[in-house]
Amino acid sequence: MNEELKKMDAAIGGYLLSKWLPHGSIRKIIFFIFVVFAISGFLSVPEWWHYLLLFFALTMSPRVIGSLACGLGKVTSFFQASKN
């Protein structure tokens, strides 16, 4: 039973982190506002805060955060394996 729960947890986590858009309508609206302002800023006069808006929009995406967490886990496991 314990193995089945682990597989179920992994499947649910993979499903939740596979979507590009955030969960919830308010988060989606904020995400699109950030993206629209960042793109309109890049098309007119690029400033440093347009990059910041795009960064904030990317941090709201579950898929981006899941990919970063997966990559960070692989890097830390590599260094822990070489340490031992």
Protein backbone atom coordinates (compact mmCIF):
# COMPACT_ATOMS: atom_id res chain seq x y z
CA MET A 1 0.00 0.00 0.00
CA ASN A 2 2.86 2.36 0.78
CA GLU A 3 4.34 1.96 -2.73
CA GLU A 4 0.96 2.76 -4.29
CA LEU A 5 0.70 5.96 -2.24
CA LYS A 6 4.18 7.03 -3.35
CA LYS A 7 3.26 6.42 -6.99
CA MET A 8 0.00 8.32 -6.51
CA ASP A 9 1.81 11.27 -4.90
CA ALA A 10 4.32 11.38 -7.77
CA ALA A 11 1.53 11.25 -10.36
CA ILE A 12 -0.42 14.06 -8.67
CA GLY A 13 2.72 16.18 -8.32
CA GLY A 14 3.60 15.61 -11.97
CA TYR A 15 0.11 16.59 -13.06
CA LEU A 16 0.07 19.76 -10.95
CA LEU A 17 3.51 20.86 -12.19
CA SER A 18 2.88 20.11 -15.88
CA LYS A 19 0.65 23.09 -16.64
CA TRP A 20 2.10 26.32 -18.00
CA LEU A 21 -0.61 28.60 -16.60
CA PRO A 22 -1.06 29.15 -12.86
CA HIS A 23 -3.98 27.61 -10.99
CA GLY A 24 -6.89 29.91 -10.22
CA SER A 25 -8.46 32.72 -12.18
CA ILE A 26 -6.93 35.59 -10.19
CA ARG A 27 -3.43 34.16 -10.65
CA LYS A 28 -4.04 33.73 -14.38
CA ILE A 29 -5.17 37.35 -14.68
CA ILE A 30 -2.08 38.59 -12.83
CA PHE A 31 0.11 36.33 -14.98
CA PHE A 32 -1.34 37.72 -18.21
CA ILE A 33 -1.05 41.32 -16.96
CA PHE A 34 2.65 40.77 -16.24
CA VAL A 35 3.21 39.17 -19.65
CA VAL A 36 1.29 41.87 -21.55
CA PHE A 37 3.13 44.72 -19.82
CA ALA A 38 6.49 43.01 -20.32
CA ILE A 39 5.89 42.38 -24.03
CA SER A 40 4.53 45.89 -24.65
CA GLY A 41 7.56 47.29 -22.84
CA PHE A 42 9.96 45.23 -24.93
CA LEU A 43 8.27 46.43 -28.11
CA SER A 44 8.41 50.11 -27.14
CA VAL A 45 11.44 50.99 -24.98
CA PRO A 46 13.06 48.08 -23.13
CA GLU A 47 13.81 48.93 -19.52
CA TRP A 48 15.14 46.81 -16.67
CA TRP A 49 11.73 46.47 -15.02
CA HIS A 50 10.28 44.77 -18.12
CA TYR A 51 12.68 41.91 -17.45
CA LEU A 52 11.52 41.93 -13.84
CA LEU A 53 7.87 41.65 -14.91
CA LEU A 54 8.74 38.72 -17.16
CA PHE A 55 10.65 37.09 -14.31
CA PHE A 56 7.66 37.44 -11.99
CA ALA A 57 5.38 35.99 -14.65
CA LEU A 58 7.70 33.00 -15.07
CA THR A 59 7.79 32.36 -11.33
CA MET A 60 3.99 32.04 -11.38
CA SER A 61 4.12 29.15 -13.87
CA PRO A 62 4.00 25.73 -12.17
CA ARG A 63 5.84 24.10 -15.07
CA VAL A 64 8.78 26.51 -14.87
CA ILE A 65 9.07 26.10 -11.11
CA GLY A 66 8.75 22.31 -11.40
CA SER A 67 11.50 22.20 -14.02
CA LEU A 68 13.75 24.37 -11.87
CA ALA A 69 13.11 22.18 -8.83
CA CYS A 70 13.83 19.03 -10.83
CA GLY A 71 17.06 20.49 -12.20
CA LEU A 72 18.14 21.68 -8.76
CA GLY A 73 17.45 18.21 -7.35
CA LYS A 74 19.62 16.60 -10.03
CA VAL A 75 22.46 19.05 -9.38
CA THR A 76 22.35 18.55 -5.62
CA SER A 77 22.19 14.75 -5.97
CA PHE A 78 25.21 14.88 -8.31
CA PHE A 79 27.24 16.84 -5.77
CA GLN A 80 26.12 14.62 -2.90
CA ALA A 81 27.06 11.48 -4.85
CA SER A 82 30.49 12.88 -5.72
CA LYS A 83 30.97 13.97 -2.10
CA ASN A 84 30.53 10.42 -0.79
